[in-house]
């Protein structure tokens, strides 16, 4: 029960963060005809961390068989809850990136943890699960950045270099507009590919947009 309460609190805090960021994107929609950059500082999101360890702990507490959770209604319910948590995180990320793209805002995500080596010595965690958790949180930041045309500054300590790159990208840029020739109103997500014939030039742009 304590583990469930901890996960619920974790998800609640994440929902608050996503809701705040979503409201910011809605406000930025009123700023038109220009590119907007948002520096998003977060340690990332994982709505179902350390799943195996939590299942094992709960099985020991209630003397259940964790080797086959499908045979126990309680553990089966916990497993379903983890699946719902992962789907919920995907939905939150998708909604925020869509809102950012509607506002023509680029998210530059920064993980303040820097280079993550491993869990603290006083944390009794499986190394593989710890790495899965770190990868999940970092991937959530990568999704927010890559789906809006930004970069994710994760697993590194050289923040000065990253901030200089962000400053360079936001100082000089082109705003391109066009009318789509795709008449299909049901194809709401449209891919974008920007190319240039200039040798040595590297293009950074959004990869898609969604119809309102």
N, C-alpha and C. Protein backbone atom coordinates (compact mmCIF):
# COMPACT_ATOMS: atom_id res chain seq x y z
N UNK A 1 0.82 -1.20 0.00
CA UNK A 1 0.00 0.00 0.00
C UNK A 1 0.87 1.26 0.00
N UNK A 2 1.97 1.25 0.76
CA UNK A 2 2.87 2.39 0.77
C UNK A 2 3.48 2.60 -0.62
N UNK A 3 3.80 1.48 -1.30
CA UNK A 3 4.35 1.58 -2.65
C UNK A 3 3.34 2.18 -3.60
N UNK A 4 2.07 1.77 -3.50
CA UNK A 4 1.02 2.32 -4.34
C UNK A 4 0.85 3.82 -4.09
N UNK A 5 0.90 4.21 -2.82
CA UNK A 5 0.77 5.63 -2.49
C UNK A 5 1.93 6.43 -3.05
N UNK A 6 3.14 5.83 -2.99
CA UNK A 6 4.30 6.51 -3.55
C UNK A 6 4.18 6.71 -5.05
N UNK A 7 3.72 5.68 -5.75
CA UNK A 7 3.53 5.80 -7.20
C UNK A 7 2.45 6.81 -7.54
N UNK A 8 1.38 6.81 -6.75
CA UNK A 8 0.30 7.76 -7.00
C UNK A 8 0.79 9.20 -6.82
N UNK A 9 1.60 9.42 -5.80
CA UNK A 9 2.15 10.76 -5.58
C UNK A 9 3.10 11.14 -6.70
N UNK A 10 3.89 10.19 -7.16
CA UNK A 10 4.82 10.44 -8.27
C UNK A 10 4.06 10.85 -9.52
N UNK A 11 3.00 10.13 -9.84
CA UNK A 11 2.22 10.44 -11.04
C UNK A 11 1.47 11.76 -10.89
N UNK A 12 1.02 12.04 -9.68
CA UNK A 12 0.32 13.32 -9.45
C UNK A 12 1.26 14.50 -9.70
N UNK A 13 2.48 14.40 -9.19
CA UNK A 13 3.44 15.49 -9.41
C UNK A 13 3.77 15.64 -10.89
N UNK A 14 3.88 14.50 -11.59
CA UNK A 14 4.16 14.56 -13.03
C UNK A 14 2.99 15.19 -13.77
N UNK A 15 1.77 14.84 -13.40
CA UNK A 15 0.59 15.42 -14.04
C UNK A 15 0.56 16.94 -13.84
N UNK A 16 0.93 17.39 -12.64
CA UNK A 16 0.97 18.83 -12.37
C UNK A 16 2.01 19.50 -13.28
N UNK A 17 3.17 18.87 -13.43
CA UNK A 17 4.21 19.43 -14.29
C UNK A 17 3.75 19.49 -15.74
N UNK A 18 3.14 18.41 -16.22
CA UNK A 18 2.65 18.39 -17.60
C UNK A 18 1.55 19.42 -17.80
N UNK A 19 0.66 19.55 -16.82
CA UNK A 19 -0.43 20.51 -16.93
C UNK A 19 0.09 21.94 -16.98
N UNK A 20 1.11 22.24 -16.16
CA UNK A 20 1.71 23.58 -16.17
C UNK A 20 2.37 23.87 -17.51
N UNK A 21 3.11 22.88 -18.03
CA UNK A 21 3.76 23.07 -19.33
C UNK A 21 2.73 23.21 -20.45
N UNK A 22 1.64 22.45 -20.36
CA UNK A 22 0.59 22.53 -21.38
C UNK A 22 -0.06 23.92 -21.37
N UNK A 23 -0.32 24.45 -20.19
CA UNK A 23 -0.90 25.80 -20.10
C UNK A 23 0.05 26.85 -20.68
N UNK A 24 1.34 26.65 -20.46
CA UNK A 24 2.34 27.57 -21.03
C UNK A 24 2.28 27.54 -22.56
N UNK A 25 2.17 26.33 -23.13
CA UNK A 25 2.08 26.22 -24.59
C UNK A 25 0.83 26.92 -25.12
N UNK A 26 -0.27 26.79 -24.41
CA UNK A 26 -1.51 27.46 -24.83
C UNK A 26 -1.33 28.97 -24.83
N UNK A 27 -0.63 29.51 -23.83
CA UNK A 27 -0.38 30.95 -23.78
C UNK A 27 0.55 31.40 -24.90
N UNK A 28 1.51 30.54 -25.25
CA UNK A 28 2.46 30.91 -26.30
C UNK A 28 1.80 30.92 -27.69
N UNK A 29 0.65 30.29 -27.83
CA UNK A 29 -0.04 30.31 -29.12
C UNK A 29 -0.41 31.73 -29.53
N UNK A 30 -0.61 32.62 -28.56
CA UNK A 30 -0.99 33.99 -28.89
C UNK A 30 0.17 34.80 -29.45
N UNK A 31 1.40 34.31 -29.29
CA UNK A 31 2.58 34.97 -29.85
C UNK A 31 2.80 34.39 -31.24
N UNK A 32 2.49 35.15 -32.27
CA UNK A 32 2.47 34.62 -33.63
C UNK A 32 3.66 35.10 -34.45
N UNK A 33 3.86 34.39 -35.56
CA UNK A 33 4.85 34.77 -36.58
C UNK A 33 6.29 34.79 -36.06
N UNK A 34 6.56 33.94 -35.12
CA UNK A 34 7.93 33.84 -34.65
C UNK A 34 8.14 32.49 -33.96
N UNK A 35 9.38 32.08 -33.93
CA UNK A 35 9.74 30.84 -33.27
C UNK A 35 9.94 31.09 -31.78
N UNK A 36 9.49 30.14 -30.97
CA UNK A 36 9.63 30.27 -29.53
C UNK A 36 10.43 29.08 -28.97
N UNK A 37 11.30 29.38 -28.05
CA UNK A 37 12.12 28.33 -27.43
C UNK A 37 11.81 28.26 -25.94
N UNK A 38 11.65 27.05 -25.46
CA UNK A 38 11.35 26.82 -24.05
C UNK A 38 12.41 25.86 -23.49
N UNK A 39 13.12 26.29 -22.46
CA UNK A 39 14.08 25.42 -21.78
C UNK A 39 13.35 24.68 -20.67
N UNK A 40 13.26 23.38 -20.81
CA UNK A 40 12.47 22.53 -19.93
C UNK A 40 13.43 21.73 -19.05
N UNK A 41 13.54 22.12 -17.80
CA UNK A 41 14.47 21.46 -16.86
C UNK A 41 13.70 20.43 -16.04
N UNK A 42 14.10 19.17 -16.19
CA UNK A 42 13.40 18.10 -15.50
C UNK A 42 14.28 16.86 -15.47
N UNK A 43 14.09 16.02 -14.46
CA UNK A 43 14.79 14.74 -14.40
C UNK A 43 14.05 13.65 -15.15
N UNK A 44 13.04 14.02 -15.92
CA UNK A 44 12.32 13.06 -16.74
C UNK A 44 11.21 12.36 -15.99
N UNK A 45 10.55 11.44 -16.69
CA UNK A 45 9.34 10.83 -16.13
C UNK A 45 9.35 9.32 -16.34
N UNK A 46 8.92 8.63 -15.31
CA UNK A 46 8.72 7.19 -15.35
C UNK A 46 7.55 6.91 -14.41
N UNK A 47 6.38 6.56 -14.98
CA UNK A 47 5.18 6.39 -14.17
C UNK A 47 5.12 5.02 -13.49
N UNK A 48 6.00 4.10 -13.87
CA UNK A 48 5.99 2.77 -13.24
C UNK A 48 7.43 2.34 -12.96
N UNK A 49 8.13 3.03 -12.07
CA UNK A 49 9.54 2.71 -11.83
C UNK A 49 9.72 1.43 -11.01
N UNK A 50 10.81 0.73 -11.29
CA UNK A 50 11.23 -0.45 -10.51
C UNK A 50 10.08 -1.45 -10.34
N UNK A 51 9.49 -1.80 -11.47
CA UNK A 51 8.29 -2.66 -11.45
C UNK A 51 8.55 -4.01 -10.80
N UNK A 52 9.65 -4.67 -11.17
CA UNK A 52 9.92 -6.01 -10.65
C UNK A 52 10.19 -5.97 -9.14
N UNK A 53 10.94 -4.96 -8.70
CA UNK A 53 11.25 -4.85 -7.28
C UNK A 53 9.99 -4.58 -6.46
N UNK A 54 9.12 -3.76 -7.02
CA UNK A 54 7.88 -3.46 -6.29
C UNK A 54 6.99 -4.70 -6.20
N UNK A 55 6.91 -5.47 -7.30
CA UNK A 55 6.10 -6.68 -7.27
C UNK A 55 6.67 -7.68 -6.26
N UNK A 56 8.00 -7.78 -6.23
CA UNK A 56 8.63 -8.71 -5.30
C UNK A 56 8.38 -8.29 -3.86
N UNK A 57 8.49 -6.97 -3.60
CA UNK A 57 8.27 -6.47 -2.25
C UNK A 57 6.83 -6.73 -1.79
N UNK A 58 5.87 -6.47 -2.69
CA UNK A 58 4.47 -6.68 -2.33
C UNK A 58 4.17 -8.16 -2.13
N UNK A 59 4.81 -9.02 -2.94
CA UNK A 59 4.60 -10.46 -2.78
C UNK A 59 5.12 -10.93 -1.43
N UNK A 60 6.27 -10.41 -1.02
CA UNK A 60 6.82 -10.79 0.29
C UNK A 60 5.95 -10.28 1.42
N UNK A 61 5.40 -9.09 1.26
CA UNK A 61 4.56 -8.53 2.32
C UNK A 61 3.29 -9.34 2.52
N UNK A 62 2.72 -9.81 1.41
CA UNK A 62 1.43 -10.52 1.50
C UNK A 62 1.58 -12.02 1.24
N UNK A 63 2.85 -12.49 1.21
CA UNK A 63 3.13 -13.91 1.04
C UNK A 63 2.47 -14.44 -0.23
N UNK A 64 2.78 -13.80 -1.33
CA UNK A 64 2.22 -14.19 -2.62
C UNK A 64 3.34 -14.76 -3.50
N UNK A 65 2.94 -15.42 -4.57
CA UNK A 65 3.90 -16.03 -5.49
C UNK A 65 4.20 -15.04 -6.62
N UNK A 66 5.35 -14.36 -6.54
CA UNK A 66 5.70 -13.35 -7.53
C UNK A 66 6.27 -13.95 -8.80
N UNK A 67 6.54 -15.26 -8.81
CA UNK A 67 7.10 -15.88 -10.01
C UNK A 67 6.08 -15.98 -11.13
N UNK A 68 4.81 -16.00 -10.77
CA UNK A 68 3.75 -16.05 -11.78
C UNK A 68 2.62 -15.12 -11.35
N UNK A 69 2.76 -13.82 -11.55
CA UNK A 69 1.77 -12.86 -11.05
C UNK A 69 0.40 -13.01 -11.68
N UNK A 70 0.32 -13.67 -12.83
CA UNK A 70 -0.98 -13.82 -13.48
C UNK A 70 -1.91 -14.75 -12.70
N UNK A 71 -1.34 -15.58 -11.84
CA UNK A 71 -2.17 -16.51 -11.06
C UNK A 71 -2.70 -15.89 -9.78
N UNK A 72 -2.26 -14.69 -9.46
CA UNK A 72 -2.73 -14.03 -8.25
C UNK A 72 -3.48 -12.76 -8.63
N UNK A 73 -4.73 -12.61 -8.20
CA UNK A 73 -5.53 -11.43 -8.60
C UNK A 73 -4.88 -10.11 -8.19
N UNK A 74 -4.27 -10.08 -7.00
CA UNK A 74 -3.68 -8.83 -6.51
C UNK A 74 -2.49 -8.42 -7.38
N UNK A 75 -1.58 -9.37 -7.64
CA UNK A 75 -0.41 -9.06 -8.46
C UNK A 75 -0.81 -8.80 -9.91
N UNK A 76 -1.83 -9.50 -10.38
CA UNK A 76 -2.31 -9.27 -11.74
C UNK A 76 -2.85 -7.84 -11.89
N UNK A 77 -3.54 -7.38 -10.85
CA UNK A 77 -4.04 -6.01 -10.86
C UNK A 77 -2.90 -5.01 -10.85
N UNK A 78 -1.85 -5.31 -10.08
CA UNK A 78 -0.69 -4.42 -10.05
C UNK A 78 -0.01 -4.35 -11.41
N UNK A 79 0.07 -5.49 -12.08
CA UNK A 79 0.69 -5.54 -13.39
C UNK A 79 -0.11 -4.73 -14.41
N UNK A 80 -1.43 -4.83 -14.33
CA UNK A 80 -2.29 -4.04 -15.22
C UNK A 80 -2.13 -2.55 -14.93
N UNK A 81 -1.98 -2.22 -13.65
CA UNK A 81 -1.78 -0.81 -13.29
C UNK A 81 -0.49 -0.26 -13.88
N UNK A 82 0.55 -1.08 -13.90
CA UNK A 82 1.81 -0.64 -14.51
C UNK A 82 1.65 -0.38 -16.00
N UNK A 83 0.88 -1.26 -16.68
CA UNK A 83 0.65 -1.06 -18.11
C UNK A 83 -0.13 0.22 -18.37
N UNK A 84 -1.13 0.49 -17.53
CA UNK A 84 -1.89 1.73 -17.67
C UNK A 84 -1.00 2.95 -17.43
N UNK A 85 -0.06 2.82 -16.48
CA UNK A 85 0.84 3.93 -16.17
C UNK A 85 1.71 4.26 -17.37
N UNK A 86 2.22 3.24 -18.05
CA UNK A 86 3.05 3.48 -19.22
C UNK A 86 2.24 4.13 -20.34
N UNK A 87 1.01 3.68 -20.54
CA UNK A 87 0.15 4.28 -21.56
C UNK A 87 -0.18 5.73 -21.21
N UNK A 88 -0.35 5.98 -19.92
CA UNK A 88 -0.66 7.34 -19.47
C UNK A 88 0.50 8.28 -19.76
N UNK A 89 1.73 7.80 -19.57
CA UNK A 89 2.90 8.63 -19.85
C UNK A 89 3.01 8.93 -21.34
N UNK A 90 2.76 7.94 -22.18
CA UNK A 90 2.78 8.17 -23.63
C UNK A 90 1.77 9.23 -24.02
N UNK A 91 0.58 9.17 -23.42
CA UNK A 91 -0.47 10.15 -23.73
C UNK A 91 -0.05 11.56 -23.30
N UNK A 92 0.53 11.66 -22.11
CA UNK A 92 0.96 12.97 -21.60
C UNK A 92 2.02 13.58 -22.52
N UNK A 93 2.99 12.78 -22.94
CA UNK A 93 4.04 13.27 -23.81
C UNK A 93 3.47 13.70 -25.16
N UNK A 94 2.56 12.92 -25.69
CA UNK A 94 1.96 13.25 -27.00
C UNK A 94 1.17 14.55 -26.93
N UNK A 95 0.40 14.74 -25.87
CA UNK A 95 -0.41 15.95 -25.74
C UNK A 95 0.47 17.18 -25.62
N UNK A 96 1.55 17.07 -24.86
CA UNK A 96 2.41 18.23 -24.67
C UNK A 96 3.16 18.58 -25.95
N UNK A 97 3.65 17.57 -26.67
CA UNK A 97 4.36 17.87 -27.91
C UNK A 97 3.41 18.45 -28.95
N UNK A 98 2.18 17.97 -29.01
CA UNK A 98 1.21 18.55 -29.94
C UNK A 98 0.93 20.01 -29.60
N UNK A 99 0.79 20.29 -28.30
CA UNK A 99 0.54 21.67 -27.88
C UNK A 99 1.73 22.56 -28.23
N UNK A 100 2.93 22.06 -28.05
CA UNK A 100 4.13 22.84 -28.37
C UNK A 100 4.22 23.11 -29.87
N UNK A 101 3.90 22.11 -30.69
CA UNK A 101 3.95 22.30 -32.13
C UNK A 101 2.87 23.27 -32.61
N UNK A 102 1.71 23.24 -31.99
CA UNK A 102 0.67 24.21 -32.35
C UNK A 102 1.12 25.63 -32.03
N UNK A 103 1.88 25.77 -30.96
CA UNK A 103 2.36 27.10 -30.54
C UNK A 103 3.65 27.49 -31.24
N UNK A 104 4.15 26.62 -32.11
CA UNK A 104 5.44 26.84 -32.79
C UNK A 104 6.55 27.05 -31.75
N UNK A 105 6.52 26.23 -30.71
CA UNK A 105 7.50 26.32 -29.62
C UNK A 105 8.40 25.09 -29.65
N UNK A 106 9.68 25.32 -29.52
CA UNK A 106 10.67 24.25 -29.48
C UNK A 106 11.07 24.00 -28.03
N UNK A 107 11.04 22.74 -27.61
CA UNK A 107 11.41 22.38 -26.25
C UNK A 107 12.86 21.91 -26.22
N UNK A 108 13.66 22.57 -25.39
CA UNK A 108 15.02 22.14 -25.12
C UNK A 108 15.04 21.57 -23.70
N UNK A 109 15.15 20.26 -23.60
CA UNK A 109 15.04 19.62 -22.29
C UNK A 109 16.43 19.42 -21.68
N UNK A 110 16.54 19.71 -20.40
CA UNK A 110 17.81 19.60 -19.68
C UNK A 110 17.58 18.76 -18.43
N UNK A 111 18.36 17.70 -18.30
CA UNK A 111 18.32 16.84 -17.12
C UNK A 111 19.35 17.35 -16.12
N UNK A 112 18.93 17.95 -15.00
CA UNK A 112 19.89 18.52 -14.05
C UNK A 112 20.72 17.48 -13.31
N UNK A 113 20.37 16.19 -13.46
CA UNK A 113 21.16 15.15 -12.79
C UNK A 113 22.53 14.97 -13.41
N UNK A 114 22.70 15.46 -14.64
CA UNK A 114 23.98 15.32 -15.30
C UNK A 114 24.27 13.87 -15.65
N UNK A 115 25.54 13.50 -15.58
CA UNK A 115 25.95 12.14 -15.89
C UNK A 115 25.54 11.22 -14.75
N UNK A 116 24.69 10.25 -15.05
CA UNK A 116 24.16 9.34 -14.03
C UNK A 116 24.96 8.05 -14.07
N UNK A 117 25.65 7.75 -12.97
CA UNK A 117 26.49 6.56 -12.93
C UNK A 117 25.73 5.34 -12.43
N UNK A 118 25.01 5.49 -11.34
CA UNK A 118 24.30 4.36 -10.75
C UNK A 118 23.58 4.80 -9.49
N UNK A 119 22.86 3.88 -8.85
CA UNK A 119 22.12 4.24 -7.63
C UNK A 119 23.07 4.51 -6.47
N UNK A 120 22.57 5.22 -5.48
CA UNK A 120 23.36 5.47 -4.28
C UNK A 120 23.63 4.15 -3.56
N UNK A 121 24.70 4.14 -2.79
CA UNK A 121 25.10 2.92 -2.09
C UNK A 121 24.03 2.45 -1.10
N UNK A 122 23.27 3.39 -0.54
CA UNK A 122 22.26 2.99 0.44
C UNK A 122 20.95 2.59 -0.21
N UNK A 123 20.88 2.58 -1.53
CA UNK A 123 19.68 2.16 -2.23
C UNK A 123 19.81 0.71 -2.67
N UNK A 124 18.96 -0.14 -2.14
CA UNK A 124 18.98 -1.57 -2.46
C UNK A 124 18.16 -1.79 -3.73
N UNK A 125 18.77 -1.53 -4.89
CA UNK A 125 18.07 -1.64 -6.16
C UNK A 125 18.84 -2.52 -7.12
N UNK A 126 18.11 -3.26 -7.92
CA UNK A 126 18.72 -4.06 -8.96
C UNK A 126 19.33 -3.14 -10.02
N UNK A 127 20.56 -3.42 -10.42
CA UNK A 127 21.27 -2.55 -11.36
C UNK A 127 20.54 -2.44 -12.69
N UNK A 128 20.03 -3.56 -13.19
CA UNK A 128 19.32 -3.54 -14.47
C UNK A 128 18.05 -2.69 -14.38
N UNK A 129 17.32 -2.81 -13.26
CA UNK A 129 16.11 -2.01 -13.10
C UNK A 129 16.44 -0.53 -12.98
N UNK A 130 17.54 -0.23 -12.28
CA UNK A 130 17.96 1.16 -12.16
C UNK A 130 18.27 1.75 -13.54
N UNK A 131 18.98 1.00 -14.35
CA UNK A 131 19.32 1.47 -15.69
C UNK A 131 18.07 1.64 -16.55
N UNK A 132 17.12 0.72 -16.40
CA UNK A 132 15.85 0.85 -17.14
C UNK A 132 15.12 2.12 -16.73
N UNK A 133 15.13 2.42 -15.43
CA UNK A 133 14.47 3.63 -14.93
C UNK A 133 15.13 4.89 -15.48
N UNK A 134 16.45 4.93 -15.45
CA UNK A 134 17.17 6.09 -15.98
C UNK A 134 16.90 6.25 -17.47
N UNK A 135 16.92 5.14 -18.21
CA UNK A 135 16.67 5.20 -19.64
C UNK A 135 15.25 5.70 -19.93
N UNK A 136 14.28 5.26 -19.13
CA UNK A 136 12.90 5.70 -19.32
C UNK A 136 12.76 7.20 -19.09
N UNK A 137 13.37 7.69 -18.02
CA UNK A 137 13.25 9.12 -17.73
C UNK A 137 13.97 9.96 -18.79
N UNK A 138 15.12 9.50 -19.23
CA UNK A 138 15.85 10.24 -20.27
C UNK A 138 15.13 10.19 -21.61
N UNK A 139 14.54 9.05 -21.93
CA UNK A 139 13.80 8.93 -23.19
C UNK A 139 12.60 9.86 -23.22
N UNK A 140 11.96 10.07 -22.07
CA UNK A 140 10.82 10.99 -22.04
C UNK A 140 11.26 12.40 -22.38
N UNK A 141 12.46 12.79 -21.94
CA UNK A 141 12.98 14.12 -22.27
C UNK A 141 13.39 14.18 -23.75
N UNK A 142 13.91 13.08 -24.26
CA UNK A 142 14.29 13.04 -25.68
C UNK A 142 13.05 13.20 -26.57
N UNK A 143 11.96 12.56 -26.19
CA UNK A 143 10.73 12.65 -26.98
C UNK A 143 10.24 14.10 -27.04
N UNK A 144 10.20 14.77 -25.90
CA UNK A 144 9.74 16.16 -25.86
C UNK A 144 10.60 17.05 -26.75
N UNK A 145 11.90 16.82 -26.73
CA UNK A 145 12.80 17.66 -27.53
C UNK A 145 12.73 17.32 -29.01
N UNK A 146 12.88 16.05 -29.33
CA UNK A 146 12.97 15.64 -30.74
C UNK A 146 11.67 15.88 -31.48
N UNK A 147 10.53 15.70 -30.81
CA UNK A 147 9.25 15.89 -31.49
C UNK A 147 8.89 17.36 -31.69
N UNK A 148 9.67 18.26 -31.10
CA UNK A 148 9.40 19.70 -31.28
C UNK A 148 10.58 20.43 -31.94
N UNK A 149 11.57 19.68 -32.40
CA UNK A 149 12.70 20.29 -33.10
C UNK A 149 13.82 20.76 -32.21
N UNK A 150 13.83 20.37 -30.94
CA UNK A 150 14.88 20.80 -30.02
C UNK A 150 15.89 19.70 -29.76
N UNK A 151 16.68 19.86 -28.73
CA UNK A 151 17.67 18.87 -28.34
C UNK A 151 17.46 18.53 -26.86
N UNK A 152 17.86 17.31 -26.51
CA UNK A 152 17.77 16.87 -25.12
C UNK A 152 19.18 16.81 -24.54
N UNK A 153 19.39 17.53 -23.46
CA UNK A 153 20.68 17.54 -22.78
C UNK A 153 20.57 16.56 -21.62
N UNK A 154 20.94 15.31 -21.87
CA UNK A 154 20.81 14.25 -20.87
C UNK A 154 22.12 13.50 -20.74
N UNK A 155 22.34 12.98 -19.55
CA UNK A 155 23.50 12.13 -19.26
C UNK A 155 24.83 12.81 -19.61
N UNK A 156 24.95 14.08 -19.30
CA UNK A 156 26.19 14.80 -19.52
C UNK A 156 26.31 15.94 -18.51
N UNK A 157 27.55 16.32 -18.23
CA UNK A 157 27.80 17.36 -17.24
C UNK A 157 28.20 18.70 -17.84
N UNK A 158 28.43 18.73 -19.15
CA UNK A 158 28.87 19.96 -19.81
C UNK A 158 27.65 20.79 -20.21
N UNK A 159 27.02 21.43 -19.22
CA UNK A 159 25.84 22.24 -19.50
C UNK A 159 26.20 23.52 -20.24
N UNK A 160 27.40 24.03 -20.02
CA UNK A 160 27.82 25.26 -20.68
C UNK A 160 27.82 25.09 -22.21
N UNK A 161 28.35 23.98 -22.66
CA UNK A 161 28.38 23.70 -24.10
C UNK A 161 26.98 23.56 -24.66
N UNK A 162 26.11 22.88 -23.91
CA UNK A 162 24.74 22.68 -24.37
C UNK A 162 23.98 24.01 -24.43
N UNK A 163 24.16 24.86 -23.43
CA UNK A 163 23.46 26.15 -23.42
C UNK A 163 23.95 27.05 -24.55
N UNK A 164 25.24 26.97 -24.87
CA UNK A 164 25.76 27.74 -26.00
C UNK A 164 25.14 27.28 -27.31
N UNK A 165 24.97 25.98 -27.44
CA UNK A 165 24.34 25.47 -28.65
C UNK A 165 22.88 25.92 -28.74
N UNK A 166 22.17 25.88 -27.61
CA UNK A 166 20.78 26.34 -27.60
C UNK A 166 20.70 27.81 -27.97
N UNK A 167 21.62 28.61 -27.43
CA UNK A 167 21.66 30.03 -27.74
C UNK A 167 21.92 30.26 -29.23
N UNK A 168 22.83 29.47 -29.81
CA UNK A 168 23.13 29.61 -31.24
C UNK A 168 21.92 29.25 -32.09
N UNK A 169 21.21 28.19 -31.72
CA UNK A 169 20.06 27.76 -32.50
C UNK A 169 18.90 28.74 -32.41
N UNK A 170 18.75 29.39 -31.27
CA UNK A 170 17.63 30.31 -31.10
C UNK A 170 17.95 31.73 -31.53
N UNK A 171 19.21 32.00 -31.85
CA UNK A 171 19.60 33.35 -32.27
C UNK A 171 19.41 33.55 -33.78
N UNK A 172 19.68 32.52 -34.56
CA UNK A 172 19.57 32.62 -36.02
C UNK A 172 18.71 31.47 -36.52
N UNK A 173 17.63 31.79 -37.20
CA UNK A 173 16.75 30.75 -37.71
C UNK A 173 15.86 31.33 -38.81
N UNK A 174 15.24 30.46 -39.56
CA UNK A 174 14.28 30.84 -40.60
C UNK A 174 12.90 30.34 -40.20
N UNK A 175 11.89 31.14 -40.45
CA UNK A 175 10.51 30.72 -40.28
C UNK A 175 9.94 30.46 -41.67
N UNK A 176 9.60 29.21 -41.95
CA UNK A 176 9.08 28.82 -43.25
C UNK A 176 7.59 28.50 -43.14
N UNK A 177 6.85 28.90 -44.13
CA UNK A 177 5.43 28.60 -44.18
C UNK A 177 5.04 28.04 -45.54
N UNK A 178 4.01 27.22 -45.57
CA UNK A 178 3.57 26.66 -46.85
C UNK A 178 2.12 26.21 -46.72
N UNK A 179 1.48 25.99 -47.85
CA UNK A 179 0.12 25.46 -47.88
C UNK A 179 0.20 23.99 -48.29
N UNK A 180 -0.38 23.11 -47.50
CA UNK A 180 -0.34 21.69 -47.78
C UNK A 180 -1.23 21.36 -48.97
N UNK A 181 -0.76 20.43 -49.80
CA UNK A 181 -1.55 19.96 -50.93
C UNK A 181 -2.27 18.65 -50.62
N UNK A 182 -2.18 18.21 -49.37
CA UNK A 182 -2.85 16.96 -48.96
C UNK A 182 -4.30 17.28 -48.58
N UNK A 183 -5.28 16.79 -49.34
CA UNK A 183 -6.68 17.14 -49.06
C UNK A 183 -7.34 16.23 -48.02
N UNK A 184 -6.63 15.21 -47.54
CA UNK A 184 -7.23 14.24 -46.63
C UNK A 184 -7.35 14.82 -45.23
N UNK A 185 -8.58 15.15 -44.78
CA UNK A 185 -8.73 15.74 -43.44
C UNK A 185 -8.55 14.73 -42.31
N UNK A 186 -8.57 13.43 -42.64
CA UNK A 186 -8.43 12.41 -41.61
C UNK A 186 -6.97 12.15 -41.26
N UNK A 187 -6.08 12.53 -42.16
CA UNK A 187 -4.66 12.37 -41.88
C UNK A 187 -4.18 13.58 -41.10
N UNK A 188 -4.39 13.54 -39.80
CA UNK A 188 -4.18 14.72 -38.97
C UNK A 188 -2.71 14.99 -38.66
N UNK A 189 -1.90 13.95 -38.64
CA UNK A 189 -0.47 14.14 -38.40
C UNK A 189 0.26 14.15 -39.72
N UNK A 190 0.97 15.23 -40.01
CA UNK A 190 1.68 15.38 -41.28
C UNK A 190 3.18 15.46 -41.01
N UNK A 191 3.94 14.68 -41.74
CA UNK A 191 5.40 14.71 -41.60
C UNK A 191 5.99 15.90 -42.34
N UNK A 192 7.10 16.41 -41.83
CA UNK A 192 7.81 17.53 -42.44
C UNK A 192 9.27 17.14 -42.63
N UNK A 193 9.80 17.45 -43.81
CA UNK A 193 11.22 17.24 -44.07
C UNK A 193 11.77 18.48 -44.76
N UNK A 194 12.73 19.13 -44.14
CA UNK A 194 13.33 20.35 -44.68
C UNK A 194 14.72 20.01 -45.19
N UNK A 195 15.00 20.37 -46.46
CA UNK A 195 16.30 20.10 -47.07
C UNK A 195 16.90 21.39 -47.62
N UNK A 196 18.21 21.38 -47.78
CA UNK A 196 18.90 22.50 -48.40
C UNK A 196 20.01 21.96 -49.31
N UNK A 197 20.22 22.56 -50.49
CA UNK A 197 21.31 22.11 -51.36
C UNK A 197 22.68 22.64 -50.96
N UNK A 198 22.73 23.46 -49.94
CA UNK A 198 23.98 24.06 -49.52
C UNK A 198 24.88 23.01 -48.86
N UNK A 199 26.08 22.88 -49.37
CA UNK A 199 27.03 21.91 -48.83
C UNK A 199 27.47 22.31 -47.42
N UNK A 200 27.54 21.33 -46.54
CA UNK A 200 28.01 21.56 -45.19
C UNK A 200 26.97 22.09 -44.23
N UNK A 201 25.77 22.39 -44.74
CA UNK A 201 24.72 22.93 -43.87
C UNK A 201 23.98 21.79 -43.19
N UNK A 202 23.66 22.00 -41.92
CA UNK A 202 22.92 21.00 -41.16
C UNK A 202 21.57 21.58 -40.78
N UNK A 203 20.51 20.88 -41.13
CA UNK A 203 19.15 21.39 -40.93
C UNK A 203 18.57 20.80 -39.65
N UNK A 204 18.06 21.69 -38.78
CA UNK A 204 17.31 21.28 -37.59
C UNK A 204 15.92 21.86 -37.73
N UNK A 205 14.91 21.00 -37.70
CA UNK A 205 13.54 21.47 -37.87
C UNK A 205 12.59 20.50 -37.21
N UNK A 206 11.34 20.90 -37.12
CA UNK A 206 10.30 19.99 -36.66
C UNK A 206 10.14 18.87 -37.67
N UNK A 207 9.75 17.70 -37.19
CA UNK A 207 9.58 16.56 -38.07
C UNK A 207 8.13 16.30 -38.46
N UNK A 208 7.17 16.98 -37.79
CA UNK A 208 5.76 16.77 -38.10
C UNK A 208 4.93 17.88 -37.48
N UNK A 209 3.67 17.92 -37.86
CA UNK A 209 2.69 18.80 -37.22
C UNK A 209 1.35 18.13 -37.25
N UNK A 210 0.44 18.58 -36.42
CA UNK A 210 -0.90 17.98 -36.34
C UNK A 210 -1.95 19.02 -36.65
N UNK A 211 -2.97 18.61 -37.39
CA UNK A 211 -4.08 19.50 -37.69
C UNK A 211 -4.88 19.76 -36.42
N UNK A 212 -5.43 20.94 -36.31
CA UNK A 212 -6.19 21.28 -35.11
C UNK A 212 -7.57 20.64 -35.17
